[in-house]
Amino acid sequence: MAKWTIISEGNQIYKDGVSYTELDTSWLPEGIRAVQSSNGTEAFIEYDNQQVGAAVSEQVYVADITQESWWSNVSTEWNTANDAAEADLAAQIAAVEARQGGGD
């Protein structure tokens, strides 16, 4: 299973250490600062309690994060960003090879 980290500030999603930023995380419930899951099932959710006047964040263990309605968006958003990055890289490689005469 994949290791996931979501950081709401910067709209960052990490999968197995590979991160993409400035993603659409509007589906993430308000007040969640971060989510960490080492296996895609169990997770810790860090809530930003400063919104309610608390000085520190609260971290909550969730035994099965897949039961959260928003969780399926995590892999969808990361995979979309990853596909775009791979396509961009392939286009850059093709452009370099074209300039070099096909890489022969």
N, C-alpha and C. Protein backbone atom coordinates (compact mmCIF):
# COMPACT_ATOMS: atom_id res chain seq x y z
N MET A 1 0.84 -1.19 0.00
CA MET A 1 0.00 0.00 0.00
C MET A 1 0.88 1.25 0.00
N ALA A 2 0.36 2.28 -0.55
CA ALA A 2 1.09 3.54 -0.67
C ALA A 2 1.09 4.30 0.65
N LYS A 3 2.14 5.08 0.82
CA LYS A 3 2.23 6.00 1.95
C LYS A 3 1.79 7.37 1.44
N TRP A 4 0.79 7.96 2.10
CA TRP A 4 0.22 9.24 1.67
C TRP A 4 0.44 10.32 2.72
N THR A 5 0.68 11.53 2.25
CA THR A 5 0.70 12.71 3.10
C THR A 5 -0.01 13.83 2.35
N ILE A 6 -0.91 14.49 3.04
CA ILE A 6 -1.61 15.64 2.48
C ILE A 6 -1.33 16.82 3.40
N ILE A 7 -0.93 17.93 2.82
CA ILE A 7 -0.71 19.15 3.58
C ILE A 7 -1.59 20.21 2.94
N SER A 8 -2.58 20.68 3.69
CA SER A 8 -3.55 21.60 3.10
C SER A 8 -2.92 22.92 2.67
N GLU A 9 -1.97 23.42 3.46
CA GLU A 9 -1.28 24.66 3.07
C GLU A 9 -0.39 24.34 1.88
N GLY A 10 -0.62 24.99 0.79
CA GLY A 10 0.12 24.70 -0.43
C GLY A 10 -0.53 23.64 -1.29
N ASN A 11 -1.63 23.07 -0.78
CA ASN A 11 -2.38 22.05 -1.54
C ASN A 11 -1.45 20.95 -2.03
N GLN A 12 -0.72 20.34 -1.09
CA GLN A 12 0.29 19.34 -1.42
C GLN A 12 -0.22 17.94 -1.13
N ILE A 13 0.07 17.01 -2.06
CA ILE A 13 -0.21 15.61 -1.85
C ILE A 13 1.06 14.83 -2.19
N TYR A 14 1.49 13.99 -1.25
CA TYR A 14 2.65 13.13 -1.43
C TYR A 14 2.18 11.68 -1.50
N LYS A 15 2.76 10.93 -2.42
CA LYS A 15 2.54 9.49 -2.48
C LYS A 15 3.92 8.84 -2.53
N ASP A 16 4.23 8.05 -1.53
CA ASP A 16 5.52 7.38 -1.47
C ASP A 16 6.68 8.34 -1.69
N GLY A 17 6.57 9.55 -1.14
CA GLY A 17 7.63 10.53 -1.20
C GLY A 17 7.61 11.43 -2.43
N VAL A 18 6.77 11.14 -3.41
CA VAL A 18 6.67 11.97 -4.61
C VAL A 18 5.53 12.95 -4.40
N SER A 19 5.86 14.24 -4.49
CA SER A 19 4.84 15.24 -4.17
C SER A 19 4.49 16.12 -5.36
N TYR A 20 3.27 16.60 -5.30
CA TYR A 20 2.80 17.63 -6.23
C TYR A 20 2.14 18.70 -5.38
N THR A 21 2.32 19.94 -5.80
CA THR A 21 1.79 21.08 -5.05
C THR A 21 0.78 21.84 -5.90
N GLU A 22 0.09 22.75 -5.24
CA GLU A 22 -0.90 23.59 -5.90
C GLU A 22 -1.98 22.76 -6.59
N LEU A 23 -2.36 21.65 -5.96
CA LEU A 23 -3.42 20.80 -6.48
C LEU A 23 -4.77 21.30 -6.01
N ASP A 24 -5.82 20.81 -6.62
CA ASP A 24 -7.17 21.16 -6.19
C ASP A 24 -7.54 20.26 -5.01
N THR A 25 -7.45 20.82 -3.82
CA THR A 25 -7.83 20.07 -2.61
C THR A 25 -9.06 20.69 -1.96
N SER A 26 -9.90 21.29 -2.79
CA SER A 26 -11.10 21.93 -2.26
C SER A 26 -12.05 20.92 -1.61
N TRP A 27 -11.89 19.65 -1.90
CA TRP A 27 -12.70 18.58 -1.33
C TRP A 27 -12.28 18.23 0.10
N LEU A 28 -11.11 18.70 0.50
CA LEU A 28 -10.61 18.43 1.86
C LEU A 28 -11.45 19.22 2.86
N PRO A 29 -12.01 18.54 3.86
CA PRO A 29 -12.86 19.26 4.81
C PRO A 29 -12.13 20.42 5.50
N GLU A 30 -12.86 21.48 5.73
CA GLU A 30 -12.29 22.66 6.39
C GLU A 30 -11.77 22.28 7.77
N GLY A 31 -10.65 22.86 8.11
CA GLY A 31 -10.06 22.62 9.43
C GLY A 31 -9.01 21.53 9.45
N ILE A 32 -8.89 20.76 8.36
CA ILE A 32 -7.84 19.74 8.31
C ILE A 32 -6.55 20.40 7.84
N ARG A 33 -5.53 20.28 8.65
CA ARG A 33 -4.22 20.84 8.32
C ARG A 33 -3.37 19.83 7.56
N ALA A 34 -3.42 18.55 7.98
CA ALA A 34 -2.60 17.52 7.35
C ALA A 34 -3.21 16.15 7.59
N VAL A 35 -2.87 15.22 6.71
CA VAL A 35 -3.26 13.82 6.85
C VAL A 35 -2.04 12.99 6.52
N GLN A 36 -1.78 11.98 7.36
CA GLN A 36 -0.68 11.07 7.09
C GLN A 36 -1.18 9.65 7.22
N SER A 37 -0.88 8.85 6.19
CA SER A 37 -1.27 7.45 6.20
C SER A 37 -0.09 6.63 5.69
N SER A 38 0.37 5.70 6.50
CA SER A 38 1.52 4.89 6.11
C SER A 38 1.12 3.71 5.23
N ASN A 39 -0.19 3.45 5.14
CA ASN A 39 -0.61 2.26 4.38
C ASN A 39 -1.88 2.48 3.56
N GLY A 40 -2.40 3.69 3.51
CA GLY A 40 -3.61 3.96 2.73
C GLY A 40 -4.90 3.58 3.43
N THR A 41 -4.79 3.06 4.64
CA THR A 41 -5.98 2.69 5.40
C THR A 41 -6.01 3.42 6.74
N GLU A 42 -5.02 3.15 7.58
CA GLU A 42 -4.93 3.86 8.86
C GLU A 42 -4.32 5.23 8.62
N ALA A 43 -4.78 6.21 9.37
CA ALA A 43 -4.27 7.57 9.15
C ALA A 43 -4.34 8.40 10.42
N PHE A 44 -3.57 9.44 10.43
CA PHE A 44 -3.66 10.48 11.45
C PHE A 44 -4.07 11.75 10.74
N ILE A 45 -5.10 12.39 11.26
CA ILE A 45 -5.58 13.66 10.72
C ILE A 45 -5.23 14.74 11.73
N GLU A 46 -4.57 15.78 11.24
CA GLU A 46 -4.23 16.91 12.09
C GLU A 46 -5.20 18.04 11.78
N TYR A 47 -5.92 18.44 12.81
CA TYR A 47 -6.89 19.53 12.68
C TYR A 47 -6.29 20.83 13.17
N ASP A 48 -6.62 21.90 12.52
CA ASP A 48 -6.17 23.23 12.90
C ASP A 48 -7.16 23.81 13.89
N ASN A 49 -6.89 23.63 15.16
CA ASN A 49 -7.82 24.09 16.20
C ASN A 49 -7.69 25.59 16.47
N GLN A 50 -6.79 26.25 15.79
CA GLN A 50 -6.68 27.69 15.97
C GLN A 50 -7.94 28.38 15.48
N GLN A 51 -8.68 27.72 14.61
CA GLN A 51 -9.93 28.30 14.15
C GLN A 51 -10.94 28.44 15.28
N VAL A 52 -10.80 27.62 16.31
CA VAL A 52 -11.72 27.69 17.44
C VAL A 52 -11.04 28.27 18.68
N GLY A 53 -9.89 28.91 18.48
CA GLY A 53 -9.23 29.60 19.58
C GLY A 53 -8.21 28.78 20.34
N ALA A 54 -8.01 27.52 19.98
CA ALA A 54 -7.00 26.71 20.67
C ALA A 54 -5.62 27.10 20.15
N ALA A 55 -4.62 26.94 20.99
CA ALA A 55 -3.26 27.34 20.63
C ALA A 55 -2.53 26.26 19.83
N VAL A 56 -3.00 25.03 19.88
CA VAL A 56 -2.29 23.94 19.21
C VAL A 56 -3.25 23.15 18.32
N SER A 57 -2.66 22.35 17.46
CA SER A 57 -3.45 21.49 16.60
C SER A 57 -3.80 20.21 17.34
N GLU A 58 -4.81 19.54 16.85
CA GLU A 58 -5.25 18.27 17.42
C GLU A 58 -5.03 17.20 16.37
N GLN A 59 -4.45 16.07 16.80
CA GLN A 59 -4.23 14.96 15.89
C GLN A 59 -5.14 13.80 16.28
N VAL A 60 -5.85 13.26 15.29
CA VAL A 60 -6.83 12.21 15.54
C VAL A 60 -6.46 10.99 14.71
N TYR A 61 -6.47 9.81 15.36
CA TYR A 61 -6.22 8.56 14.66
C TYR A 61 -7.52 8.08 14.03
N VAL A 62 -7.42 7.64 12.77
CA VAL A 62 -8.57 7.09 12.05
C VAL A 62 -8.18 5.69 11.60
N ALA A 63 -8.92 4.68 12.05
CA ALA A 63 -8.58 3.29 11.75
C ALA A 63 -8.77 2.94 10.28
N ASP A 64 -9.76 3.55 9.63
CA ASP A 64 -10.00 3.27 8.21
C ASP A 64 -10.38 4.56 7.49
N ILE A 65 -9.36 5.23 6.99
CA ILE A 65 -9.54 6.52 6.32
C ILE A 65 -10.36 6.37 5.04
N THR A 66 -10.40 5.16 4.48
CA THR A 66 -11.14 4.95 3.24
C THR A 66 -12.64 5.14 3.44
N GLN A 67 -13.09 5.17 4.68
CA GLN A 67 -14.51 5.40 4.96
C GLN A 67 -14.88 6.87 4.88
N GLU A 68 -13.88 7.74 4.84
CA GLU A 68 -14.14 9.18 4.71
C GLU A 68 -14.53 9.46 3.25
N SER A 69 -15.61 10.19 3.05
CA SER A 69 -16.13 10.41 1.71
C SER A 69 -15.13 11.12 0.79
N TRP A 70 -14.24 11.90 1.32
CA TRP A 70 -13.31 12.69 0.53
C TRP A 70 -12.03 11.92 0.18
N TRP A 71 -11.77 10.79 0.82
CA TRP A 71 -10.48 10.10 0.67
C TRP A 71 -10.21 9.65 -0.77
N SER A 72 -11.22 9.24 -1.51
CA SER A 72 -11.00 8.78 -2.89
C SER A 72 -10.43 9.88 -3.78
N ASN A 73 -10.66 11.13 -3.41
CA ASN A 73 -10.11 12.25 -4.17
C ASN A 73 -8.59 12.34 -4.09
N VAL A 74 -8.01 11.79 -3.03
CA VAL A 74 -6.57 11.90 -2.82
C VAL A 74 -5.81 11.24 -3.97
N SER A 75 -6.09 9.97 -4.22
CA SER A 75 -5.36 9.27 -5.29
C SER A 75 -5.73 9.82 -6.66
N THR A 76 -6.99 10.19 -6.86
CA THR A 76 -7.41 10.75 -8.15
C THR A 76 -6.63 12.02 -8.46
N GLU A 77 -6.54 12.92 -7.49
CA GLU A 77 -5.84 14.19 -7.71
C GLU A 77 -4.35 13.97 -7.93
N TRP A 78 -3.73 13.08 -7.12
CA TRP A 78 -2.30 12.81 -7.28
C TRP A 78 -2.03 12.14 -8.63
N ASN A 79 -2.85 11.16 -9.01
CA ASN A 79 -2.65 10.47 -10.29
C ASN A 79 -2.80 11.42 -11.47
N THR A 80 -3.73 12.34 -11.41
CA THR A 80 -3.90 13.33 -12.47
C THR A 80 -2.65 14.19 -12.60
N ALA A 81 -2.11 14.64 -11.46
CA ALA A 81 -0.88 15.45 -11.48
C ALA A 81 0.30 14.63 -11.98
N ASN A 82 0.40 13.39 -11.56
CA ASN A 82 1.49 12.52 -11.98
C ASN A 82 1.42 12.25 -13.48
N ASP A 83 0.24 11.97 -13.99
CA ASP A 83 0.07 11.75 -15.44
C ASP A 83 0.50 12.97 -16.23
N ALA A 84 0.11 14.15 -15.75
CA ALA A 84 0.48 15.39 -16.44
C ALA A 84 2.00 15.60 -16.40
N ALA A 85 2.63 15.30 -15.27
CA ALA A 85 4.08 15.45 -15.15
C ALA A 85 4.80 14.47 -16.08
N GLU A 86 4.32 13.24 -16.15
CA GLU A 86 4.93 12.25 -17.03
C GLU A 86 4.76 12.64 -18.50
N ALA A 87 3.60 13.16 -18.86
CA ALA A 87 3.37 13.61 -20.24
C ALA A 87 4.28 14.78 -20.58
N ASP A 88 4.45 15.70 -19.63
CA ASP A 88 5.32 16.85 -19.84
C ASP A 88 6.77 16.39 -20.03
N LEU A 89 7.20 15.45 -19.21
CA LEU A 89 8.56 14.92 -19.32
C LEU A 89 8.76 14.23 -20.67
N ALA A 90 7.79 13.43 -21.09
CA ALA A 90 7.88 12.75 -22.38
C ALA A 90 7.98 13.75 -23.53
N ALA A 91 7.21 14.83 -23.44
CA ALA A 91 7.26 15.87 -24.48
C ALA A 91 8.62 16.55 -24.50
N GLN A 92 9.18 16.81 -23.32
CA GLN A 92 10.51 17.43 -23.25
C GLN A 92 11.58 16.51 -23.84
N ILE A 93 11.50 15.23 -23.54
CA ILE A 93 12.47 14.26 -24.07
C ILE A 93 12.35 14.19 -25.59
N ALA A 94 11.12 14.16 -26.10
CA ALA A 94 10.90 14.11 -27.54
C ALA A 94 11.46 15.36 -28.22
N ALA A 95 11.29 16.51 -27.59
CA ALA A 95 11.81 17.76 -28.15
C ALA A 95 13.34 17.74 -28.21
N VAL A 96 13.96 17.25 -27.15
CA VAL A 96 15.43 17.17 -27.13
C VAL A 96 15.92 16.20 -28.20
N GLU A 97 15.26 15.04 -28.30
CA GLU A 97 15.66 14.05 -29.30
C GLU A 97 15.46 14.61 -30.71
N ALA A 98 14.40 15.37 -30.92
CA ALA A 98 14.17 15.96 -32.24
C ALA A 98 15.28 16.95 -32.60
N ARG A 99 15.70 17.74 -31.62
CA ARG A 99 16.79 18.70 -31.84
C ARG A 99 18.11 18.00 -32.10
N GLN A 100 18.25 16.80 -31.53
CA GLN A 100 19.51 16.05 -31.70
C GLN A 100 19.45 15.11 -32.90
N GLY A 101 18.41 15.21 -33.68
CA GLY A 101 18.29 14.38 -34.87
C GLY A 101 17.76 12.99 -34.59
N GLY A 102 16.88 12.88 -33.61
CA GLY A 102 16.25 11.59 -33.33
C GLY A 102 17.01 10.72 -32.37
N GLY A 103 18.13 11.19 -31.83
CA GLY A 103 18.86 10.43 -30.83
C GLY A 103 19.70 9.31 -31.41
N ASP A 104 19.94 9.31 -32.72
CA ASP A 104 20.74 8.25 -33.34
C ASP A 104 22.19 8.39 -33.00
